[in-house]
N, C-alpha and C. Protein backbone atom coordinates (compact mmCIF):
# COMPACT_ATOMS: atom_id res chain seq x y z
N MET A 1 0.83 -1.20 0.00
CA MET A 1 0.00 0.00 0.00
C MET A 1 0.87 1.26 0.00
N SER A 2 0.27 2.34 -0.40
CA SER A 2 0.99 3.62 -0.44
C SER A 2 1.01 4.25 0.94
N LEU A 3 1.70 5.37 1.03
CA LEU A 3 1.79 6.11 2.28
C LEU A 3 0.40 6.49 2.79
N PHE A 4 -0.49 6.86 1.87
CA PHE A 4 -1.86 7.19 2.21
C PHE A 4 -2.71 5.98 1.84
N ASN A 5 -3.32 5.34 2.83
CA ASN A 5 -3.96 4.05 2.65
C ASN A 5 -5.11 4.02 1.66
N ASP A 6 -5.65 5.16 1.27
CA ASP A 6 -6.81 5.15 0.39
C ASP A 6 -6.43 5.02 -1.08
N VAL A 7 -5.15 4.96 -1.41
CA VAL A 7 -4.71 4.86 -2.79
C VAL A 7 -3.85 3.60 -2.95
N SER A 8 -4.28 2.71 -3.84
CA SER A 8 -3.54 1.46 -4.03
C SER A 8 -2.33 1.67 -4.93
N GLU A 9 -1.38 0.77 -4.81
CA GLU A 9 -0.19 0.82 -5.67
C GLU A 9 -0.60 0.68 -7.13
N GLU A 10 -1.60 -0.14 -7.41
CA GLU A 10 -2.07 -0.32 -8.79
C GLU A 10 -2.66 0.98 -9.34
N GLN A 11 -3.41 1.68 -8.53
CA GLN A 11 -3.98 2.96 -8.96
C GLN A 11 -2.86 3.97 -9.22
N LEU A 12 -1.86 4.03 -8.35
CA LEU A 12 -0.72 4.92 -8.55
C LEU A 12 0.01 4.58 -9.85
N ARG A 13 0.21 3.31 -10.12
CA ARG A 13 0.89 2.88 -11.34
C ARG A 13 0.12 3.34 -12.58
N ARG A 14 -1.21 3.16 -12.56
CA ARG A 14 -2.02 3.58 -13.71
C ARG A 14 -1.96 5.09 -13.92
N GLU A 15 -2.05 5.85 -12.83
CA GLU A 15 -2.03 7.31 -12.93
C GLU A 15 -0.66 7.82 -13.38
N ARG A 16 0.40 7.18 -12.95
CA ARG A 16 1.74 7.58 -13.39
C ARG A 16 1.93 7.30 -14.88
N GLN A 17 1.36 6.19 -15.36
CA GLN A 17 1.41 5.89 -16.79
C GLN A 17 0.65 6.96 -17.57
N LYS A 18 -0.51 7.36 -17.08
CA LYS A 18 -1.28 8.43 -17.73
C LYS A 18 -0.47 9.73 -17.77
N ALA A 19 0.27 10.01 -16.70
CA ALA A 19 1.10 11.22 -16.65
C ALA A 19 2.20 11.16 -17.71
N ARG A 20 2.81 10.00 -17.88
CA ARG A 20 3.84 9.86 -18.92
C ARG A 20 3.24 10.13 -20.29
N GLU A 21 2.04 9.63 -20.53
CA GLU A 21 1.37 9.86 -21.81
C GLU A 21 1.00 11.34 -21.97
N LEU A 22 0.52 11.97 -20.91
CA LEU A 22 0.14 13.38 -20.97
C LEU A 22 1.34 14.26 -21.28
N ARG A 23 2.52 13.92 -20.73
CA ARG A 23 3.73 14.69 -21.00
C ARG A 23 4.15 14.64 -22.47
N ARG A 24 3.68 13.64 -23.19
CA ARG A 24 4.00 13.53 -24.62
C ARG A 24 2.97 14.23 -25.49
N SER A 25 1.93 14.80 -24.91
CA SER A 25 0.84 15.39 -25.68
C SER A 25 1.15 16.83 -26.13
N GLN A 26 0.46 17.23 -27.17
CA GLN A 26 0.57 18.61 -27.64
C GLN A 26 0.09 19.58 -26.57
N TRP A 27 -0.93 19.20 -25.83
CA TRP A 27 -1.45 20.06 -24.75
C TRP A 27 -0.32 20.40 -23.77
N TRP A 28 0.46 19.40 -23.37
CA TRP A 28 1.55 19.63 -22.42
C TRP A 28 2.65 20.50 -23.03
N ARG A 29 2.99 20.23 -24.29
CA ARG A 29 4.01 21.04 -24.96
C ARG A 29 3.57 22.51 -25.02
N ASN A 30 2.31 22.74 -25.30
CA ASN A 30 1.80 24.11 -25.31
C ASN A 30 1.84 24.71 -23.91
N ARG A 31 1.54 23.91 -22.92
CA ARG A 31 1.51 24.38 -21.54
C ARG A 31 2.90 24.83 -21.08
N ILE A 32 3.91 24.02 -21.35
CA ILE A 32 5.26 24.37 -20.88
C ILE A 32 5.91 25.42 -21.75
N ALA A 33 5.42 25.58 -22.99
CA ALA A 33 6.00 26.58 -23.89
C ALA A 33 5.90 27.98 -23.29
N GLN A 34 4.92 28.20 -22.42
CA GLN A 34 4.77 29.49 -21.75
C GLN A 34 5.94 29.77 -20.81
N GLY A 35 6.55 28.70 -20.29
CA GLY A 35 7.74 28.84 -19.45
C GLY A 35 7.48 29.52 -18.12
N VAL A 36 6.30 29.26 -17.53
CA VAL A 36 5.94 29.89 -16.26
C VAL A 36 5.55 28.81 -15.25
N CYS A 37 6.14 28.89 -14.05
CA CYS A 37 5.81 27.97 -12.97
C CYS A 37 4.43 28.32 -12.41
N HIS A 38 3.58 27.34 -12.30
CA HIS A 38 2.23 27.54 -11.76
C HIS A 38 2.27 28.06 -10.33
N TYR A 39 3.25 27.65 -9.55
CA TYR A 39 3.28 27.99 -8.12
C TYR A 39 3.97 29.31 -7.80
N CYS A 40 5.15 29.53 -8.35
CA CYS A 40 5.89 30.76 -7.98
C CYS A 40 5.78 31.85 -9.04
N GLY A 41 5.31 31.49 -10.24
CA GLY A 41 5.13 32.47 -11.30
C GLY A 41 6.41 32.90 -12.00
N ARG A 42 7.53 32.28 -11.63
CA ARG A 42 8.80 32.63 -12.27
C ARG A 42 8.83 32.14 -13.71
N SER A 43 9.52 32.88 -14.55
CA SER A 43 9.76 32.44 -15.93
C SER A 43 11.00 31.56 -15.92
N VAL A 44 10.85 30.38 -16.47
CA VAL A 44 11.95 29.43 -16.58
C VAL A 44 11.91 28.80 -17.96
N SER A 45 12.98 28.16 -18.33
CA SER A 45 13.03 27.44 -19.59
C SER A 45 11.99 26.33 -19.58
N PRO A 46 11.28 26.11 -20.68
CA PRO A 46 10.31 25.01 -20.72
C PRO A 46 10.93 23.67 -20.33
N ALA A 47 12.20 23.47 -20.65
CA ALA A 47 12.87 22.22 -20.29
C ALA A 47 13.02 22.05 -18.78
N GLU A 48 12.94 23.15 -18.04
CA GLU A 48 13.08 23.10 -16.58
C GLU A 48 11.75 22.93 -15.87
N LEU A 49 10.65 22.87 -16.60
CA LEU A 49 9.35 22.68 -15.98
C LEU A 49 9.01 21.20 -15.87
N THR A 50 8.40 20.84 -14.77
CA THR A 50 7.99 19.46 -14.53
C THR A 50 6.48 19.41 -14.42
N LEU A 51 5.92 18.24 -14.64
CA LEU A 51 4.49 18.05 -14.47
C LEU A 51 4.22 17.77 -13.00
N ASP A 52 3.35 18.56 -12.40
CA ASP A 52 2.98 18.33 -11.00
C ASP A 52 1.48 18.13 -10.92
N HIS A 53 1.08 17.21 -10.09
CA HIS A 53 -0.34 17.00 -9.81
C HIS A 53 -0.71 17.95 -8.67
N ALA A 54 -1.60 18.91 -8.94
CA ALA A 54 -2.00 19.88 -7.91
C ALA A 54 -2.52 19.13 -6.70
N VAL A 55 -3.42 18.19 -6.91
CA VAL A 55 -3.82 17.26 -5.85
C VAL A 55 -2.99 16.01 -6.11
N PRO A 56 -2.03 15.73 -5.24
CA PRO A 56 -1.10 14.63 -5.48
C PRO A 56 -1.80 13.28 -5.64
N LEU A 57 -1.18 12.41 -6.43
CA LEU A 57 -1.74 11.08 -6.64
C LEU A 57 -1.91 10.33 -5.33
N VAL A 58 -0.93 10.44 -4.43
CA VAL A 58 -1.01 9.72 -3.16
C VAL A 58 -2.10 10.28 -2.25
N ARG A 59 -2.65 11.43 -2.61
CA ARG A 59 -3.74 12.02 -1.83
C ARG A 59 -5.08 11.88 -2.57
N GLY A 60 -5.10 11.03 -3.60
CA GLY A 60 -6.34 10.77 -4.33
C GLY A 60 -6.51 11.56 -5.61
N GLY A 61 -5.50 12.36 -6.00
CA GLY A 61 -5.58 13.12 -7.24
C GLY A 61 -5.50 12.22 -8.45
N ARG A 62 -5.91 12.76 -9.57
CA ARG A 62 -5.89 12.01 -10.82
C ARG A 62 -5.02 12.73 -11.85
N THR A 63 -4.60 11.99 -12.85
CA THR A 63 -3.86 12.59 -13.95
C THR A 63 -4.88 13.08 -14.96
N SER A 64 -5.13 14.38 -14.93
CA SER A 64 -6.06 15.01 -15.86
C SER A 64 -5.54 16.41 -16.15
N LYS A 65 -6.00 16.99 -17.24
CA LYS A 65 -5.55 18.34 -17.59
C LYS A 65 -5.93 19.33 -16.49
N GLY A 66 -7.00 19.11 -15.80
CA GLY A 66 -7.42 20.01 -14.74
C GLY A 66 -6.60 19.88 -13.46
N ASN A 67 -5.88 18.78 -13.30
CA ASN A 67 -5.11 18.55 -12.08
C ASN A 67 -3.61 18.61 -12.31
N CYS A 68 -3.17 18.74 -13.55
CA CYS A 68 -1.74 18.75 -13.85
C CYS A 68 -1.30 20.15 -14.22
N VAL A 69 -0.23 20.61 -13.57
CA VAL A 69 0.27 21.96 -13.80
C VAL A 69 1.78 21.90 -14.07
N ALA A 70 2.28 22.93 -14.72
CA ALA A 70 3.71 23.06 -14.96
C ALA A 70 4.35 23.73 -13.75
N ALA A 71 5.35 23.09 -13.19
CA ALA A 71 6.02 23.63 -12.00
C ALA A 71 7.53 23.57 -12.18
N CYS A 72 8.22 24.59 -11.66
CA CYS A 72 9.67 24.52 -11.68
C CYS A 72 10.09 23.40 -10.73
N LYS A 73 11.28 22.89 -10.93
CA LYS A 73 11.75 21.77 -10.13
C LYS A 73 11.81 22.11 -8.65
N GLU A 74 12.18 23.35 -8.34
CA GLU A 74 12.26 23.76 -6.94
C GLU A 74 10.90 23.70 -6.26
N CYS A 75 9.89 24.28 -6.89
CA CYS A 75 8.54 24.26 -6.30
C CYS A 75 8.00 22.83 -6.21
N ASN A 76 8.21 22.05 -7.27
CA ASN A 76 7.71 20.68 -7.27
C ASN A 76 8.35 19.88 -6.14
N SER A 77 9.64 20.07 -5.93
CA SER A 77 10.33 19.36 -4.84
C SER A 77 9.84 19.80 -3.47
N GLN A 78 9.59 21.10 -3.32
CA GLN A 78 9.12 21.62 -2.03
C GLN A 78 7.68 21.19 -1.74
N LYS A 79 6.85 21.18 -2.76
CA LYS A 79 5.43 20.87 -2.57
C LYS A 79 5.21 19.41 -2.19
N GLN A 80 5.92 18.52 -2.82
CA GLN A 80 5.81 17.07 -2.59
C GLN A 80 4.36 16.62 -2.61
N SER A 81 3.82 16.12 -1.51
CA SER A 81 2.45 15.59 -1.51
C SER A 81 1.45 16.50 -0.80
N LEU A 82 1.78 17.80 -0.75
CA LEU A 82 0.86 18.74 -0.12
C LEU A 82 -0.34 19.02 -1.01
N LEU A 83 -1.49 19.17 -0.38
CA LEU A 83 -2.69 19.62 -1.09
C LEU A 83 -2.56 21.11 -1.38
N PRO A 84 -3.31 21.64 -2.35
CA PRO A 84 -3.20 23.07 -2.65
C PRO A 84 -3.36 23.97 -1.43
N THR A 85 -4.30 23.67 -0.55
CA THR A 85 -4.49 24.51 0.64
C THR A 85 -3.31 24.41 1.60
N GLU A 86 -2.71 23.23 1.69
CA GLU A 86 -1.53 23.05 2.54
C GLU A 86 -0.33 23.79 1.94
N TRP A 87 -0.21 23.78 0.63
CA TRP A 87 0.87 24.50 -0.05
C TRP A 87 0.72 26.00 0.20
N ASP A 88 -0.50 26.52 0.07
CA ASP A 88 -0.75 27.94 0.32
C ASP A 88 -0.36 28.31 1.75
N ALA A 89 -0.72 27.46 2.71
CA ALA A 89 -0.37 27.73 4.10
C ALA A 89 1.15 27.71 4.29
N TYR A 90 1.83 26.81 3.62
CA TYR A 90 3.29 26.73 3.67
C TYR A 90 3.90 28.03 3.15
N LEU A 91 3.40 28.53 2.01
CA LEU A 91 3.91 29.78 1.45
C LEU A 91 3.64 30.96 2.37
N GLU A 92 2.49 30.99 3.01
CA GLU A 92 2.18 32.06 3.96
C GLU A 92 3.14 32.05 5.13
N ARG A 93 3.48 30.86 5.62
CA ARG A 93 4.45 30.75 6.72
C ARG A 93 5.81 31.27 6.28
N LEU A 94 6.22 30.93 5.06
CA LEU A 94 7.50 31.44 4.56
C LEU A 94 7.50 32.96 4.50
N ASP A 95 6.41 33.54 3.99
CA ASP A 95 6.32 35.01 3.90
C ASP A 95 6.40 35.64 5.29
N ARG A 96 5.72 35.06 6.28
CA ARG A 96 5.75 35.59 7.65
C ARG A 96 7.15 35.51 8.22
N ASP A 97 7.81 34.38 7.97
CA ASP A 97 9.16 34.19 8.53
C ASP A 97 10.17 35.15 7.93
N GLU A 98 9.92 35.62 6.68
CA GLU A 98 10.85 36.54 6.03
C GLU A 98 10.70 37.96 6.55
N LEU A 99 9.57 38.26 7.18
CA LEU A 99 9.35 39.63 7.68
C LEU A 99 10.13 39.92 8.93
């Protein structure tokens, strides 16, 4: 079983395969051509953008155009399996700590 018990290894395998297929699509190429990270808004080379599931697969997310976003490697690594609301709270904490 996965870290989150509600998602089976088989389901994760199927969704990861769908993600590999989505990364080969024209939709994805158009998405990364903009060269903007969904999370931090920085402009980066399209080659530096990764596919991130806004709602992570291990948290029940699916591989769909509505749930997949282009993210820089730094944001994708930091976000890991956080839900969008948890990610927003994380960013707010960072902003507070910088003040």
